C-alpha atoms as a PDB file:
ATOM      1  CA  MET A   1     -29.520  33.858 -42.857  1.00  0.00           C
ATOM      2  CA  THR A   2     -27.639  33.248 -39.666  1.00  0.00           C
ATOM      3  CA  SER A   3     -29.890  32.686 -36.060  1.00  0.00           C
ATOM      4  CA  TRP A   4     -28.925  35.203 -33.592  1.00  0.00           C
ATOM      5  CA  LEU A   5     -30.633  33.126 -30.958  1.00  0.00           C
ATOM      6  CA  ASN A   6     -27.727  30.085 -31.626  1.00  0.00           C
ATOM      7  CA  GLY A   7     -25.223  33.037 -30.817  1.00  0.00           C
ATOM      8  CA  GLU A   8     -24.321  33.574 -34.450  1.00  0.00           C
ATOM      9  CA  TRP A   9     -24.180  37.348 -34.906  1.00  0.00           C
ATOM     10  CA  PRO A  10     -23.339  38.900 -38.537  1.00  0.00           C
ATOM     11  CA  TRP A  11     -20.082  40.892 -38.659  1.00  0.00           C
ATOM     12  CA  TYR A  12     -21.803  44.050 -39.262  1.00  0.00           C
ATOM     13  CA  VAL A  13     -23.851  43.674 -36.049  1.00  0.00           C
ATOM     14  CA  ALA A  14     -20.929  42.225 -34.044  1.00  0.00           C
ATOM     15  CA  GLY A  15     -18.217  44.620 -35.140  1.00  0.00           C
ATOM     16  CA  PRO A  16     -19.999  47.921 -34.336  1.00  0.00           C
ATOM     17  CA  ALA A  17     -21.160  46.663 -30.874  1.00  0.00           C
ATOM     18  CA  ILE A  18     -17.517  45.786 -29.994  1.00  0.00           C
ATOM     19  CA  GLY A  19     -16.415  49.234 -30.964  1.00  0.00           C
ATOM     20  CA  LEU A  20     -19.034  51.350 -29.550  1.00  0.00           C
ATOM     21  CA  LEU A  21     -18.029  49.589 -26.262  1.00  0.00           C
ATOM     22  CA  VAL A  22     -15.004  51.594 -25.967  1.00  0.00           C
ATOM     23  CA  PRO A  23     -16.479  55.008 -25.981  1.00  0.00           C
ATOM     24  CA  ALA A  24     -19.212  53.608 -23.410  1.00  0.00           C
ATOM     25  CA  LEU A  25     -16.152  52.617 -21.137  1.00  0.00           C
ATOM     26  CA  ALA A  26     -14.607  55.812 -21.273  1.00  0.00           C
ATOM     27  CA  ILE A  27     -18.220  57.400 -20.668  1.00  0.00           C
ATOM     28  CA  ALA A  28     -18.779  55.200 -17.765  1.00  0.00           C
ATOM     29  CA  GLY A  29     -15.447  56.554 -16.023  1.00  0.00           C
ATOM     30  CA  ASN A  30     -12.434  55.675 -17.879  1.00  0.00           C
ATOM     31  CA  LYS A  31     -12.710  52.195 -17.531  1.00  0.00           C
ATOM     32  CA  ALA A  32     -10.607  49.836 -19.613  1.00  0.00           C
ATOM     33  CA  PHE A  33     -11.835  46.416 -21.374  1.00  0.00           C
ATOM     34  CA  GLY A  34      -9.711  43.236 -21.194  1.00  0.00           C
ATOM     35  CA  ILE A  35      -9.641  39.726 -19.528  1.00  0.00           C
ATOM     36  CA  SER A  36      -6.345  39.938 -17.930  1.00  0.00           C
ATOM     37  CA  SER A  37      -7.464  42.685 -15.899  1.00  0.00           C
ATOM     38  CA  SER A  38     -10.690  40.652 -14.906  1.00  0.00           C
ATOM     39  CA  LEU A  39      -8.506  37.807 -13.733  1.00  0.00           C
ATOM     40  CA  SER A  40      -6.371  40.164 -11.799  1.00  0.00           C
ATOM     41  CA  HIS A  41      -9.472  41.435  -9.762  1.00  0.00           C
ATOM     42  CA  LEU A  42     -10.797  37.931  -9.401  1.00  0.00           C
ATOM     43  CA  CYS A  43      -7.440  36.909  -7.598  1.00  0.00           C
ATOM     44  CA  ALA A  44      -7.640  40.050  -5.623  1.00  0.00           C
ATOM     45  CA  ALA A  45     -11.317  38.959  -4.369  1.00  0.00           C
ATOM     46  CA  ILE A  46      -9.948  35.583  -3.684  1.00  0.00           C
ATOM     47  CA  ALA A  47      -6.732  36.106  -2.028  1.00  0.00           C
ATOM     48  CA  PRO A  48      -6.643  39.407  -0.546  1.00  0.00           C
ATOM     49  CA  GLY A  49      -3.277  40.574   1.082  1.00  0.00           C
ATOM     50  CA  LYS A  50      -1.826  37.024   0.341  1.00  0.00           C
ATOM     51  CA  ILE A  51       0.273  38.943  -2.562  1.00  0.00           C
ATOM     52  CA  GLU A  52       1.449  42.365  -2.559  1.00  0.00           C
ATOM     53  CA  TYR A  53       0.500  42.910  -6.524  1.00  0.00           C
ATOM     54  CA  PHE A  54      -3.084  41.686  -5.439  1.00  0.00           C
ATOM     55  CA  ARG A  55      -3.828  43.996  -2.389  1.00  0.00           C
ATOM     56  CA  TYR A  56      -5.754  46.745  -3.791  1.00  0.00           C
ATOM     57  CA  ASP A  57      -9.832  48.012  -3.351  1.00  0.00           C
ATOM     58  CA  TRP A  58     -10.779  45.346  -5.988  1.00  0.00           C
ATOM     59  CA  ARG A  59     -14.564  46.209  -5.461  1.00  0.00           C
ATOM     60  CA  ARG A  60     -13.801  49.862  -6.704  1.00  0.00           C
ATOM     61  CA  ALA A  61     -11.184  49.218  -9.177  1.00  0.00           C
ATOM     62  CA  GLY A  62     -12.768  46.211 -10.821  1.00  0.00           C
ATOM     63  CA  LEU A  63     -16.224  44.798  -9.901  1.00  0.00           C
ATOM     64  CA  TRP A  64     -17.602  45.545 -13.188  1.00  0.00           C
ATOM     65  CA  ASN A  65     -14.579  43.288 -14.748  1.00  0.00           C
ATOM     66  CA  LEU A  66     -15.876  40.601 -12.717  1.00  0.00           C
ATOM     67  CA  VAL A  67     -19.656  40.954 -13.892  1.00  0.00           C
ATOM     68  CA  PHE A  68     -18.129  40.937 -17.432  1.00  0.00           C
ATOM     69  CA  LEU A  69     -16.156  37.666 -16.543  1.00  0.00           C
ATOM     70  CA  THR A  70     -19.448  36.256 -15.207  1.00  0.00           C
ATOM     71  CA  GLY A  71     -20.696  37.394 -18.512  1.00  0.00           C
ATOM     72  CA  VAL A  72     -18.153  35.887 -20.643  1.00  0.00           C
ATOM     73  CA  LEU A  73     -18.402  32.273 -18.754  1.00  0.00           C
ATOM     74  CA  GLY A  74     -22.306  32.295 -18.462  1.00  0.00           C
ATOM     75  CA  GLY A  75     -22.378  33.208 -22.227  1.00  0.00           C
ATOM     76  CA  GLY A  76     -19.691  30.422 -23.404  1.00  0.00           C
ATOM     77  CA  PHE A  77     -21.414  28.062 -21.595  1.00  0.00           C
ATOM     78  CA  LEU A  78     -24.729  28.730 -23.137  1.00  0.00           C
ATOM     79  CA  ALA A  79     -23.531  28.627 -26.386  1.00  0.00           C
ATOM     80  CA  ALA A  80     -21.562  25.205 -25.871  1.00  0.00           C
ATOM     81  CA  HIS A  81     -24.927  23.522 -24.260  1.00  0.00           C
ATOM     82  CA  THR A  82     -27.626  25.384 -26.423  1.00  0.00           C
ATOM     83  CA  GLY A  83     -26.234  26.232 -29.703  1.00  0.00           C
ATOM     84  CA  THR A  84     -25.789  24.493 -32.919  1.00  0.00           C
ATOM     85  CA  VAL A  85     -22.012  23.085 -33.152  1.00  0.00           C
ATOM     86  CA  HIS A  86     -20.318  24.047 -35.999  1.00  0.00           C
ATOM     87  CA  SER A  87     -16.746  23.001 -37.431  1.00  0.00           C
ATOM     88  CA  VAL A  88     -14.271  26.001 -37.689  1.00  0.00           C
ATOM     89  CA  ALA A  89     -14.064  26.957 -41.656  1.00  0.00           C
ATOM     90  CA  ILE A  90     -10.470  25.998 -42.766  1.00  0.00           C
ATOM     91  CA  SER A  91      -9.142  26.062 -46.147  1.00  0.00           C
ATOM     92  CA  ASP A  92      -8.333  22.905 -47.916  1.00  0.00           C
ATOM     93  CA  ALA A  93      -4.632  24.093 -48.312  1.00  0.00           C
ATOM     94  CA  THR A  94      -4.550  24.514 -44.338  1.00  0.00           C
ATOM     95  CA  LYS A  95      -6.233  21.237 -44.194  1.00  0.00           C
ATOM     96  CA  ALA A  96      -3.762  19.546 -46.154  1.00  0.00           C
ATOM     97  CA  THR A  97      -0.264  20.976 -44.338  1.00  0.00           C
ATOM     98  CA  LEU A  98      -2.101  19.854 -40.962  1.00  0.00           C
ATOM     99  CA  ALA A  99      -2.744  16.374 -42.176  1.00  0.00           C
ATOM    100  CA  GLN A 100       1.250  16.298 -43.020  1.00  0.00           C
ATOM    101  CA  MET A 101       1.482  17.166 -39.447  1.00  0.00           C
ATOM    102  CA  GLY A 102      -0.573  14.233 -38.031  1.00  0.00           C
ATOM    103  CA  ILE A 103      -3.916  16.441 -37.401  1.00  0.00           C
ATOM    104  CA  HIS A 104      -6.758  14.914 -39.415  1.00  0.00           C
ATOM    105  CA  ASN A 105      -9.830  15.288 -37.136  1.00  0.00           C
ATOM    106  CA  PHE A 106     -11.053  19.147 -38.057  1.00  0.00           C
ATOM    107  CA  SER A 107     -14.861  18.552 -36.291  1.00  0.00           C
ATOM    108  CA  GLY A 108     -15.542  21.002 -33.576  1.00  0.00           C
ATOM    109  CA  VAL A 109     -13.337  23.969 -32.554  1.00  0.00           C
ATOM    110  CA  ALA A 110      -9.808  22.408 -31.752  1.00  0.00           C
ATOM    111  CA  PRO A 111      -8.150  19.645 -33.194  1.00  0.00           C
ATOM    112  CA  GLN A 112      -8.571  16.618 -30.978  1.00  0.00           C
ATOM    113  CA  GLU A 113      -5.444  15.252 -31.469  1.00  0.00           C
ATOM    114  CA  ILE A 114      -3.929  17.950 -29.781  1.00  0.00           C
ATOM    115  CA  PHE A 115      -6.690  19.318 -27.331  1.00  0.00           C
ATOM    116  CA  THR A 116      -7.719  16.534 -25.195  1.00  0.00           C
ATOM    117  CA  TRP A 117      -7.136  15.013 -21.551  1.00  0.00           C
ATOM    118  CA  HIS A 118      -5.117  12.057 -23.259  1.00  0.00           C
ATOM    119  CA  SER A 119      -3.053  14.038 -25.410  1.00  0.00           C
ATOM    120  CA  LEU A 120      -1.983  16.342 -22.221  1.00  0.00           C
ATOM    121  CA  LEU A 121       0.061  13.616 -21.067  1.00  0.00           C
ATOM    122  CA  THR A 122       2.299  13.589 -24.090  1.00  0.00           C
ATOM    123  CA  ALA A 123       5.285  15.708 -24.736  1.00  0.00           C
ATOM    124  CA  ARG A 124       3.736  17.729 -27.640  1.00  0.00           C
ATOM    125  CA  GLY A 125       0.398  18.163 -25.377  1.00  0.00           C
ATOM    126  CA  LEU A 126       2.810  19.208 -22.549  1.00  0.00           C
ATOM    127  CA  ILE A 127       4.217  22.114 -24.642  1.00  0.00           C
ATOM    128  CA  LEU A 128       1.070  22.912 -26.339  1.00  0.00           C
ATOM    129  CA  ILE A 129      -1.081  23.508 -23.316  1.00  0.00           C
ATOM    130  CA  VAL A 130       1.196  23.820 -20.447  1.00  0.00           C
ATOM    131  CA  PHE A 131       3.801  25.719 -21.715  1.00  0.00           C
ATOM    132  CA  GLY A 132       2.201  27.359 -24.229  1.00  0.00           C
ATOM    133  CA  GLY A 133      -0.606  28.710 -21.278  1.00  0.00           C
ATOM    134  CA  PHE A 134       2.495  29.624 -19.170  1.00  0.00           C
ATOM    135  CA  LEU A 135       3.755  31.756 -22.033  1.00  0.00           C
ATOM    136  CA  VAL A 136       0.442  33.452 -22.386  1.00  0.00           C
ATOM    137  CA  GLY A 137       0.131  34.307 -18.861  1.00  0.00           C
ATOM    138  CA  PHE A 138       3.739  35.827 -18.823  1.00  0.00           C
ATOM    139  CA  GLY A 139       3.119  37.853 -22.227  1.00  0.00           C
ATOM    140  CA  THR A 140      -0.052  39.201 -20.502  1.00  0.00           C
ATOM    141  CA  ALA A 141       1.646  40.236 -17.469  1.00  0.00           C
ATOM    142  CA  TYR A 142       4.740  41.700 -19.138  1.00  0.00           C
ATOM    143  CA  ALA A 143       2.621  43.742 -21.799  1.00  0.00           C
ATOM    144  CA  ALA A 144       0.378  44.904 -19.057  1.00  0.00           C
ATOM    145  CA  GLY A 145      -2.706  43.640 -20.868  1.00  0.00           C
ATOM    146  CA  CYS A 146      -4.092  40.985 -23.005  1.00  0.00           C
ATOM    147  CA  THR A 147      -4.728  40.970 -26.751  1.00  0.00           C
ATOM    148  CA  SER A 148      -8.178  41.921 -26.414  1.00  0.00           C
ATOM    149  CA  GLY A 149      -7.704  44.759 -23.991  1.00  0.00           C
ATOM    150  CA  HIS A 150      -4.699  45.964 -26.031  1.00  0.00           C
ATOM    151  CA  ALA A 151      -6.366  45.900 -29.534  1.00  0.00           C
ATOM    152  CA  ILE A 152      -9.865  46.893 -28.569  1.00  0.00           C
ATOM    153  CA  SER A 153      -9.458  49.630 -25.676  1.00  0.00           C
ATOM    154  CA  GLY A 154      -5.432  50.376 -26.373  1.00  0.00           C
ATOM    155  CA  LEU A 155      -5.673  51.140 -30.143  1.00  0.00           C
ATOM    156  CA  ALA A 156      -8.857  53.154 -29.814  1.00  0.00           C
ATOM    157  CA  ASN A 157      -7.614  55.137 -27.008  1.00  0.00           C
ATOM    158  CA  PHE A 158      -4.330  55.655 -29.185  1.00  0.00           C
ATOM    159  CA  GLN A 159      -1.990  54.517 -26.990  1.00  0.00           C
ATOM    160  CA  LEU A 160       1.345  53.515 -28.291  1.00  0.00           C
ATOM    161  CA  PRO A 161       2.381  50.797 -25.506  1.00  0.00           C
ATOM    162  CA  SER A 162      -0.666  49.197 -26.786  1.00  0.00           C
ATOM    163  CA  LEU A 163       0.311  49.375 -30.604  1.00  0.00           C
ATOM    164  CA  ILE A 164       3.634  47.793 -29.966  1.00  0.00           C
ATOM    165  CA  ALA A 165       1.840  45.241 -28.053  1.00  0.00           C
ATOM    166  CA  VAL A 166       0.080  44.634 -30.771  1.00  0.00           C
ATOM    167  CA  ILE A 167       2.676  44.311 -33.219  1.00  0.00           C
ATOM    168  CA  GLY A 168       4.310  42.181 -31.186  1.00  0.00           C
ATOM    169  CA  PHE A 169       1.437  39.876 -30.751  1.00  0.00           C
ATOM    170  CA  PHE A 170       1.050  39.259 -34.510  1.00  0.00           C
ATOM    171  CA  ALA A 171       4.608  39.025 -35.079  1.00  0.00           C
ATOM    172  CA  GLY A 172       4.712  36.239 -32.597  1.00  0.00           C
ATOM    173  CA  GLY A 173       1.854  34.549 -33.758  1.00  0.00           C
ATOM    174  CA  LEU A 174       3.468  34.550 -37.393  1.00  0.00           C
ATOM    175  CA  ALA A 175       6.377  33.256 -35.966  1.00  0.00           C
ATOM    176  CA  ALA A 176       4.568  30.792 -33.615  1.00  0.00           C
ATOM    177  CA  SER A 177       2.435  29.819 -36.906  1.00  0.00           C
ATOM    178  CA  PHE A 178       5.558  29.065 -39.267  1.00  0.00           C
ATOM    179  CA  PHE A 179       8.327  28.078 -37.219  1.00  0.00           C
ATOM    180  CA  ILE A 180       7.570  26.978 -33.546  1.00  0.00           C
ATOM    181  CA  LEU A 181       4.107  24.719 -34.451  1.00  0.00           C
ATOM    182  CA  PRO A 182       5.084  22.971 -37.281  1.00  0.00           C
ATOM    183  CA  PHE A 183       8.095  21.908 -35.401  1.00  0.00           C
ATOM    184  CA  VAL A 184       6.031  20.767 -32.221  1.00  0.00           C
ATOM    185  CA  ILE A 185       3.106  19.294 -33.924  1.00  0.00           C
ATOM    186  CA  GLY A 186       5.153  17.680 -36.700  1.00  0.00           C
ATOM    187  CA  LYS A 187       8.174  16.387 -34.650  1.00  0.00           C
ATOM    188  CA  LEU A 188       6.642  15.285 -31.446  1.00  0.00           C
END
C-alpha cells in the first residue's frame, strides 16, 4: 500500500482528481489549466509594460494561475525534501539501450551523466539542456500552450487545435526518442 503522506497517490485517485479539475475550472469562470499561462502571468507581473505581449491586467487574468504555480513549486519542494526518494522504474531493455549510449546511473529521477552542472558545460549538455529548453519554450509559445494545458484542458473541451498540438507533441517525442536522442547521447 502506498503512503499518501509521501506524495504517492494511486492512479485511481490522481486520475479522477485531475479529470475533475477541468469542469471545476469551467464552473469557476472558464479558466484554462496549464503551466505556460502561469509563466506568462508571472512575466506580466514582474515586467509590466516592458514588452507588449505582457501588457495586460495579470491580476484579473491570472492571479489564480500564480497561486497554482506557487502550489506546484511548493509541492515539488516538499516532495523533494520530505518524501522518500525512489528510482524511476525503467525496463531492463531500456537500461540496456541507454547503457550502450553511455548512461549507467539509473538512481534518482534523471540520468546523472546528463543532468548535472558538470555535464551542462559539455556539448551534449548544452544541446540537451539549453537548446532543448529553448525548443520547449518556443514550442509552447508557438502551440499557444503547454502539454498539460492542451492535453488536459484542451482535449476535455474538445478543441481541435489542442488535438493537433497533442498529436504534434507525441510525434515530436517519438522522433526525438528514436532519432535525435540516440545521436546526441551516443555520438557527443
